[in-house]
């Protein structure tokens, strides 16, 4: 066969391969990545709509006359807001945030809002992330978000310590959306490793809910801290799946579809083994909660469901080609859908009618299942030879975390 005949054949094969890739990519839906995860229970999902409302309150100018009227049962008491800081108060070092003392749910909440595209300080914070620039506790973290978290801890350490000591039975919860989700993730890492600054609070009393988070910590940290950090992702949200450098994302705002296609091609052509072996690759943190509200290729909503897991591989690695990838990132939309989801869950299983003793037994059972799943994820990370899984103890290891959890479970 002549060379002239081979060229058209190669072109045809290449075209067929491209068509096949495009076809498979368009058939790839958000539900596929979490289809093997377990279903979340109403007890563990209950805080999420409430915390979304608290985060949304940081956007409000007047908490007594909110622009976004809270759903029934999800309002907040303005008298319980201990402090609320704006950009002028933080000097642009972090997004606005507030500390809220939730007496009804025995919770001390520090909530941070998301990115303001009109604020240069927020954009610079996101762009401050050179590859491998910052290490922390045996892994890699987003540099700009770490600086913001350090600032918040230094500013509010005294207030939080006083509250933790005064309300010894309350949880300390960090909650944030988008940019704020990344900040509270790293703030949680700092709090866990500096508990003496917060009155010696127990690790089990610290928790974090990162709503639509940016990828901000390496895989070993994402798995090791899954007992205290939870990420919430609404169906097709693009940000927890965005692996491209954020400076390229901002440069491509005028051609966002082009950026999405390039990212899809890049992630599809990268072997999963190579992803896992890259110690600087950042991930969505902690335990993942994936809210599914639509079926593929249908505009009509379905009865929502929530799947949860502590995955090691398959942790939101691929962009979903969907017209909802932007809208699913909005905090107001996440609030509405999480509230609708919880309502549906409670209709199927009305936990409030369960006797208190039985409810506490169920909560203890859920906590035990989560701990077992967390330990299994740590062991899988070691088996997959994730970087830093077998590092010296001073550098932070999976084995060290495993032994600590084992000791805690025996107490």
Protein backbone atom coordinates (compact mmCIF):
# COMPACT_ATOMS: atom_id res chain seq x y z
CA UNK A 1 0.00 0.00 0.00
CA UNK A 2 1.38 3.39 -0.98
CA UNK A 3 1.95 6.27 1.40
CA UNK A 4 -0.70 8.29 -0.45
CA UNK A 5 -3.32 5.65 0.40
CA UNK A 6 -2.26 5.48 4.06
CA UNK A 7 -2.78 9.20 4.73
CA UNK A 8 -6.59 9.21 4.15
CA UNK A 9 -6.87 6.05 6.25
CA UNK A 10 -5.01 7.67 9.16
CA UNK A 11 -7.19 10.76 8.87
CA UNK A 12 -10.37 8.66 8.95
CA UNK A 13 -9.21 6.73 12.01
CA UNK A 14 -8.26 9.98 13.77
CA UNK A 15 -11.63 11.55 12.97
CA UNK A 16 -13.48 8.49 14.24
CA UNK A 17 -11.43 8.56 17.44
CA UNK A 18 -12.26 12.25 17.97
CA UNK A 19 -15.95 11.68 17.28
CA UNK A 20 -15.97 8.76 19.73
CA UNK A 21 -14.30 10.90 22.42
CA UNK A 22 -16.78 13.76 21.92
CA UNK A 23 -19.70 11.34 22.01
CA UNK A 24 -18.50 9.66 25.22
CA UNK A 25 -17.79 13.05 26.79
CA UNK A 26 -21.29 14.31 26.11
CA UNK A 27 -22.70 11.09 27.57
CA UNK A 28 -20.62 11.53 30.72
CA UNK A 29 -22.90 12.87 33.46
CA UNK A 30 -22.41 14.00 37.03
CA UNK A 31 -24.26 11.00 38.46
CA UNK A 32 -21.72 8.54 37.10
CA UNK A 33 -18.89 9.63 39.38
CA UNK A 34 -20.90 9.05 42.55
CA UNK A 35 -23.13 6.15 41.44
CA UNK A 36 -21.30 3.68 43.69
CA UNK A 37 -21.33 5.94 46.77
CA UNK A 38 -23.67 5.34 49.68
CA UNK A 39 -26.80 7.37 50.32
CA UNK A 40 -26.60 10.16 52.90
CA UNK A 41 -29.00 10.12 55.82
CA UNK A 42 -31.21 13.05 56.92
CA UNK A 43 -29.25 13.32 60.20
CA UNK A 44 -25.91 13.97 58.53
CA UNK A 45 -27.34 16.21 55.78
CA UNK A 46 -29.45 18.35 58.12
CA UNK A 47 -26.81 21.06 58.86
CA UNK A 48 -26.13 21.85 55.20
CA UNK A 49 -29.19 24.03 54.29
CA UNK A 50 -28.86 25.85 57.60
CA UNK A 51 -25.16 26.58 57.07
CA UNK A 52 -25.85 27.72 53.49
CA UNK A 53 -28.28 30.25 54.95
CA UNK A 54 -25.64 31.49 57.40
CA UNK A 55 -23.14 31.92 54.56
CA UNK A 56 -25.72 33.81 52.52
CA UNK A 57 -26.26 36.10 55.52
CA UNK A 58 -22.67 37.33 55.16
CA UNK A 59 -23.76 38.91 51.84
CA UNK A 60 -26.61 40.81 53.54
CA UNK A 61 -26.27 44.48 54.43
CA UNK A 62 -29.13 44.39 56.96
CA UNK A 63 -29.65 41.06 58.73
CA UNK A 64 -32.98 42.19 60.16
CA UNK A 65 -34.33 42.96 56.69
CA UNK A 66 -32.61 40.37 54.48
CA UNK A 67 -32.65 40.71 50.73
CA UNK A 68 -32.99 36.96 50.39
CA UNK A 69 -35.90 35.92 52.59
CA UNK A 70 -34.93 32.75 54.45
CA UNK A 71 -37.09 29.64 54.01
CA UNK A 72 -39.31 28.77 56.93
CA UNK A 73 -37.22 27.09 59.62
CA UNK A 74 -33.91 28.28 58.15
CA UNK A 75 -33.80 31.83 59.43
CA UNK A 76 -31.24 33.18 61.85
CA UNK A 77 -31.37 35.39 64.91
CA UNK A 78 -29.49 38.67 64.28
CA UNK A 79 -28.95 38.99 68.05
CA UNK A 80 -26.75 35.88 67.94
CA UNK A 81 -24.31 37.43 65.46
CA UNK A 82 -21.22 38.22 67.53
CA UNK A 83 -19.29 39.99 64.78
CA UNK A 84 -19.50 40.61 61.06
CA UNK A 85 -16.51 41.93 59.12
CA UNK A 86 -16.52 43.49 55.66
CA UNK A 87 -13.68 44.13 53.17
CA UNK A 88 -12.78 47.39 54.94
CA UNK A 89 -12.32 45.48 58.20
CA UNK A 90 -10.18 42.71 56.70
CA UNK A 91 -8.14 45.06 54.44
CA UNK A 92 -8.75 42.65 51.57
CA UNK A 93 -6.79 39.83 53.23
CA UNK A 94 -9.88 37.62 53.28
CA UNK A 95 -13.49 37.79 52.11
CA UNK A 96 -16.14 39.10 54.52
CA UNK A 97 -17.09 36.72 57.32
CA UNK A 98 -19.11 36.51 60.50
CA UNK A 99 -19.17 34.57 63.77
CA UNK A 100 -22.61 33.32 64.74
CA UNK A 101 -23.52 31.67 68.03
CA UNK A 102 -26.25 29.18 67.17
CA UNK A 103 -27.79 28.34 70.54
CA UNK A 104 -30.61 26.38 68.94
CA UNK A 105 -28.17 23.84 67.47
CA UNK A 106 -25.34 24.19 70.02
CA UNK A 107 -22.96 25.47 67.40
CA UNK A 108 -20.27 28.16 67.12
CA UNK A 109 -20.21 29.05 63.43
CA UNK A 110 -17.61 31.02 61.50
CA UNK A 111 -18.99 31.61 57.99
CA UNK A 112 -17.06 33.09 55.03
CA UNK A 113 -18.66 34.28 51.79
CA UNK A 114 -17.51 33.48 48.28
CA UNK A 115 -15.64 35.31 45.56
CA UNK A 116 -16.55 38.87 44.59
CA UNK A 117 -15.42 39.33 40.98
CA UNK A 118 -15.38 43.09 41.55
CA UNK A 119 -12.77 42.85 44.31
CA UNK A 120 -9.17 42.69 43.14
CA UNK A 121 -8.07 41.29 46.51
CA UNK A 122 -10.26 38.19 46.06
CA UNK A 123 -8.91 37.54 42.57
CA UNK A 124 -5.31 38.01 43.69
CA UNK A 125 -5.91 35.59 46.54
CA UNK A 126 -7.05 32.91 44.09
CA UNK A 127 -4.16 33.57 41.71
CA UNK A 128 -1.59 33.29 44.51
CA UNK A 129 -1.03 29.59 43.88
CA UNK A 130 2.20 28.71 42.11
CA UNK A 131 2.53 24.98 41.59
CA UNK A 132 3.98 23.34 44.68
CA UNK A 133 4.57 26.67 46.36
CA UNK A 134 3.29 25.75 49.81
CA UNK A 135 3.54 22.58 51.88
CA UNK A 136 1.56 21.96 55.04
CA UNK A 137 1.33 18.92 57.32
CA UNK A 138 2.83 16.54 54.80
CA UNK A 139 0.92 17.75 51.75
CA UNK A 140 0.43 20.69 49.41
CA UNK A 141 -2.12 23.47 49.83
CA UNK A 142 -3.27 26.56 47.96
CA UNK A 143 -0.92 29.37 49.03
CA UNK A 144 -3.31 32.34 48.86
CA UNK A 145 -6.08 30.53 50.71
CA UNK A 146 -3.63 29.42 53.41
CA UNK A 147 -2.57 33.05 53.99
CA UNK A 148 -6.22 34.07 54.31
CA UNK A 149 -6.90 31.24 56.79
CA UNK A 150 -3.86 32.24 58.88
CA UNK A 151 -5.14 35.81 58.99
CA UNK A 152 -8.60 34.74 60.21
CA UNK A 153 -7.14 32.48 62.90
CA UNK A 154 -4.84 35.23 64.18
CA UNK A 155 -7.67 37.79 64.21
CA UNK A 156 -10.37 35.65 65.80
CA UNK A 157 -8.38 33.19 67.89
CA UNK A 158 -9.19 34.99 71.14
CA UNK A 159 -12.92 35.24 70.38
CA UNK A 160 -13.19 31.59 69.36
CA UNK A 161 -11.19 30.40 72.38
CA UNK A 162 -13.50 32.34 74.71
CA UNK A 163 -16.60 30.83 73.08
CA UNK A 164 -15.19 27.30 73.11
CA UNK A 165 -14.37 27.57 76.81
CA UNK A 166 -17.69 29.20 77.73
CA UNK A 167 -19.87 26.81 75.71
CA UNK A 168 -18.07 23.52 76.30
CA UNK A 169 -20.84 21.43 74.77
CA UNK A 170 -20.98 23.35 71.47
CA UNK A 171 -19.37 22.34 68.18
CA UNK A 172 -16.98 24.68 66.36
CA UNK A 173 -18.08 24.81 62.73
CA UNK A 174 -16.30 26.51 59.84
CA UNK A 175 -18.50 27.06 56.77
CA UNK A 176 -17.79 28.78 53.48
CA UNK A 177 -18.80 28.94 49.83
CA UNK A 178 -16.49 28.86 46.79
CA UNK A 179 -13.48 31.01 47.70
CA UNK A 180 -14.65 31.00 51.32
CA UNK A 181 -14.90 27.20 51.19
CA UNK A 182 -11.20 26.99 50.42
CA UNK A 183 -10.38 29.39 53.25
CA UNK A 184 -12.43 27.45 55.84
CA UNK A 185 -10.86 24.18 54.66
CA UNK A 186 -7.38 25.46 55.45
CA UNK A 187 -8.67 27.22 58.57
CA UNK A 188 -9.86 23.81 59.78
CA UNK A 189 -6.42 22.31 59.17
CA UNK A 190 -4.88 25.14 61.20
CA UNK A 191 -7.44 24.74 63.99
CA UNK A 192 -6.94 20.98 64.25
CA UNK A 193 -3.16 21.39 64.44
CA UNK A 194 -3.32 24.34 66.88
CA UNK A 195 -6.07 23.25 69.24
CA UNK A 196 -4.22 24.69 72.23
CA UNK A 197 -4.88 28.16 70.78
CA UNK A 198 -8.60 27.38 70.87
CA UNK A 199 -8.78 26.30 74.49
CA UNK A 200 -7.69 22.70 73.86
CA UNK A 201 -10.88 21.85 71.96
CA UNK A 202 -11.26 18.17 71.06
CA UNK A 203 -10.84 17.24 67.41
CA UNK A 204 -14.30 15.65 67.30
CA UNK A 205 -15.88 19.04 68.16
CA UNK A 206 -14.33 20.70 65.10
CA UNK A 207 -16.03 20.36 61.73
CA UNK A 208 -16.00 22.08 58.38
CA UNK A 209 -18.56 22.35 55.60
CA UNK A 210 -17.04 23.54 52.33
CA UNK A 211 -19.89 24.44 49.94
CA UNK A 212 -18.88 24.26 46.25
CA UNK A 213 -15.17 24.34 47.15
CA UNK A 214 -12.20 25.10 44.97
CA UNK A 215 -9.58 22.35 44.79
CA UNK A 216 -7.26 23.49 47.55
CA UNK A 217 -5.41 20.57 49.21
CA UNK A 218 -3.43 17.54 48.01
CA UNK A 219 -4.94 14.06 48.01
CA UNK A 220 -3.26 12.81 51.18
CA UNK A 221 -4.62 15.77 53.17
CA UNK A 222 -8.06 15.48 51.54
CA UNK A 223 -8.32 11.89 52.79
CA UNK A 224 -6.64 12.31 56.19
CA UNK A 225 -8.92 15.16 57.27
CA UNK A 226 -12.15 13.60 55.97
CA UNK A 227 -13.29 13.03 59.55
CA UNK A 228 -13.65 16.78 60.13
CA UNK A 229 -14.00 18.31 56.62
CA UNK A 230 -17.07 17.87 54.41
CA UNK A 231 -17.47 19.14 50.84
CA UNK A 232 -20.89 19.74 49.29
CA UNK A 233 -21.21 19.70 45.49
CA UNK A 234 -24.44 20.38 43.61
CA UNK A 235 -24.69 18.12 40.55
CA UNK A 236 -22.63 19.64 37.68
CA UNK A 237 -20.74 22.41 39.53
CA UNK A 238 -17.53 23.11 37.62
CA UNK A 239 -15.27 24.52 40.37
CA UNK A 240 -14.64 21.32 42.41
CA UNK A 241 -13.69 19.70 39.10
CA UNK A 242 -11.47 22.52 37.83
CA UNK A 243 -7.87 21.31 37.70
CA UNK A 244 -6.57 24.01 35.37
CA UNK A 245 -4.48 26.80 36.90
CA UNK A 246 -6.88 29.53 38.07
CA UNK A 247 -4.95 32.29 36.35
CA UNK A 248 -5.71 30.58 33.02
CA UNK A 249 -9.38 30.37 34.01
CA UNK A 250 -9.57 34.12 34.60
CA UNK A 251 -7.77 34.86 31.35
CA UNK A 252 -10.29 32.67 29.53
CA UNK A 253 -13.47 34.21 30.93
CA UNK A 254 -14.33 35.59 27.51
CA UNK A 255 -14.11 32.10 26.07
CA UNK A 256 -15.23 29.91 28.94
CA UNK A 257 -16.59 27.10 26.70
CA UNK A 258 -13.18 26.85 25.02
CA UNK A 259 -11.52 26.49 28.41
CA UNK A 260 -13.97 23.76 29.42
CA UNK A 261 -13.29 21.80 26.22
CA UNK A 262 -9.52 22.06 26.71
CA UNK A 263 -9.86 20.89 30.30
CA UNK A 264 -12.06 17.97 29.25
CA UNK A 265 -9.52 16.88 26.66
CA UNK A 266 -6.62 17.25 29.10
CA UNK A 267 -8.30 15.28 31.90
CA UNK A 268 -9.49 12.57 29.53
CA UNK A 269 -6.00 12.03 28.15
CA UNK A 270 -4.35 11.94 31.59
CA UNK A 271 -4.12 8.47 33.10
CA UNK A 272 -5.67 8.14 36.55
CA UNK A 273 -2.48 6.53 37.86
CA UNK A 274 -0.55 9.63 36.82
CA UNK A 275 -3.08 11.86 38.60
CA UNK A 276 -2.73 9.89 41.83
CA UNK A 277 1.06 10.00 41.67
CA UNK A 278 1.20 13.79 41.32
CA UNK A 279 1.80 15.08 44.89
CA UNK A 280 1.05 18.70 43.91
CA UNK A 281 -2.32 18.01 42.31
CA UNK A 282 -5.03 19.66 44.42
CA UNK A 283 -8.44 18.17 45.20
CA UNK A 284 -11.83 18.97 46.69
CA UNK A 285 -11.36 18.35 50.43
CA UNK A 286 -12.64 15.76 52.86
CA UNK A 287 -15.81 13.70 52.75
CA UNK A 288 -17.89 14.49 49.67
CA UNK A 289 -21.66 15.01 49.50
CA UNK A 290 -22.99 15.00 45.95
CA UNK A 291 -26.51 16.38 45.48
CA UNK A 292 -28.29 14.98 42.38
CA UNK A 293 -31.37 16.97 41.29
CA UNK A 294 -31.63 16.28 37.53
CA UNK A 295 -31.44 13.33 35.18
CA UNK A 296 -29.12 13.54 32.16
CA UNK A 297 -30.51 15.38 29.13
CA UNK A 298 -33.70 16.34 30.96
CA UNK A 299 -34.70 19.79 32.19
CA UNK A 300 -37.36 18.46 34.55
CA UNK A 301 -36.20 18.01 38.13
CA UNK A 302 -36.33 14.66 39.87
CA UNK A 303 -36.75 13.68 43.49
CA UNK A 304 -33.31 14.72 44.74
CA UNK A 305 -30.86 12.35 46.34
CA UNK A 306 -27.54 12.78 48.13
CA UNK A 307 -24.63 10.39 47.81
CA UNK A 308 -21.65 10.50 50.12
CA UNK A 309 -18.22 8.87 50.34
CA UNK A 310 -14.55 9.41 51.14
CA UNK A 311 -13.16 8.50 47.73
CA UNK A 312 -9.47 8.29 46.92
CA UNK A 313 -9.63 7.77 43.18
CA UNK A 314 -12.52 9.19 41.18
CA UNK A 315 -12.70 12.37 43.28
CA UNK A 316 -14.47 14.68 40.77
CA UNK A 317 -11.74 14.36 38.14
CA UNK A 318 -13.67 15.29 35.00
CA UNK A 319 -15.63 18.33 33.89
CA UNK A 320 -19.28 17.63 33.06
CA UNK A 321 -20.45 19.23 29.81
CA UNK A 322 -23.72 20.75 30.97
CA UNK A 323 -25.59 24.04 30.72
CA UNK A 324 -25.81 24.04 34.53
CA UNK A 325 -22.10 24.01 35.40
CA UNK A 326 -22.23 27.72 36.36
CA UNK A 327 -25.68 27.91 37.97
CA UNK A 328 -24.96 24.86 40.15
CA UNK A 329 -22.17 26.88 41.77
CA UNK A 330 -24.39 29.72 43.04
CA UNK A 331 -24.94 29.74 46.81
CA UNK A 332 -28.59 30.79 46.50
CA UNK A 333 -29.25 27.86 44.18
CA UNK A 334 -27.38 25.42 46.44
CA UNK A 335 -29.43 26.69 49.40
CA UNK A 336 -32.72 26.11 47.58
CA UNK A 337 -31.79 22.68 46.29
CA UNK A 338 -30.31 21.47 49.59
CA UNK A 339 -33.43 22.63 51.42
CA UNK A 340 -35.65 20.81 48.89
CA UNK A 341 -33.45 17.74 49.19
CA UNK A 342 -33.67 17.68 52.98
CA UNK A 343 -37.45 18.15 52.84
CA UNK A 344 -37.74 15.11 50.55
CA UNK A 345 -35.46 13.08 52.81
CA UNK A 346 -37.54 13.96 55.87
CA UNK A 347 -40.78 13.05 54.09
CA UNK A 348 -39.38 9.59 53.47
CA UNK A 349 -37.85 9.30 56.93
CA UNK A 350 -39.24 11.78 59.50
CA UNK A 351 -36.38 11.73 62.02
CA UNK A 352 -38.03 14.30 64.29
CA UNK A 353 -40.72 11.75 65.22
CA UNK A 354 -38.13 9.20 66.31
CA UNK A 355 -37.63 8.99 70.11
CA UNK A 356 -34.61 10.92 71.38
CA UNK A 357 -32.78 7.80 72.65
CA UNK A 358 -33.20 6.02 69.33
CA UNK A 359 -32.14 9.15 67.45
CA UNK A 360 -28.92 9.32 69.47
CA UNK A 361 -28.25 5.65 68.75
CA UNK A 362 -28.63 6.32 65.04
CA UNK A 363 -26.25 9.26 65.21
CA UNK A 364 -23.68 7.10 67.00
CA UNK A 365 -24.13 4.40 64.35
CA UNK A 366 -23.62 6.94 61.54
CA UNK A 367 -20.48 8.27 63.23
CA UNK A 368 -19.12 4.72 63.53
CA UNK A 369 -19.85 3.99 59.86
CA UNK A 370 -18.14 7.22 58.83
CA UNK A 371 -15.08 6.35 60.90
CA UNK A 372 -14.88 2.89 59.30
CA UNK A 373 -15.25 4.39 55.83
CA UNK A 374 -12.57 6.96 56.65
CA UNK A 375 -10.16 4.25 57.79
CA UNK A 376 -10.86 2.24 54.63
CA UNK A 377 -10.07 5.31 52.49
CA UNK A 378 -6.78 5.83 54.34
CA UNK A 379 -5.78 2.19 53.75
CA UNK A 380 -6.70 2.46 50.08
CA UNK A 381 -4.57 5.59 49.75
CA UNK A 382 -1.62 3.64 51.16
CA UNK A 383 -2.34 0.70 48.82
CA UNK A 384 -2.44 3.02 45.80
CA UNK A 385 0.94 4.42 46.85
CA UNK A 386 -0.29 8.01 47.01
CA UNK A 387 2.71 10.33 47.54
CA UNK A 388 3.60 11.03 51.20
CA UNK A 389 1.52 8.08 52.41
CA UNK A 390 4.70 6.50 53.83
CA UNK A 391 6.57 9.63 54.88
CA UNK A 392 8.34 10.05 58.24
CA UNK A 393 5.89 10.83 61.11
CA UNK A 394 7.11 14.43 61.39
CA UNK A 395 6.00 15.03 57.82
CA UNK A 396 2.50 13.69 58.44
CA UNK A 397 1.47 10.22 57.35
CA UNK A 398 -1.62 8.16 56.71
CA UNK A 399 -0.30 5.62 59.22
CA UNK A 400 0.01 8.31 61.89
CA UNK A 401 -3.58 9.41 61.29
CA UNK A 402 -4.70 5.78 61.36
CA UNK A 403 -3.07 5.13 64.73
CA UNK A 404 -4.60 8.31 66.17
CA UNK A 405 -8.07 7.27 65.01
CA UNK A 406 -7.52 3.80 66.47
CA UNK A 407 -6.63 5.26 69.84
CA UNK A 408 -9.67 7.55 69.76
CA UNK A 409 -11.99 4.65 68.95
CA UNK A 410 -10.69 2.72 71.97
CA UNK A 411 -11.39 5.57 74.39
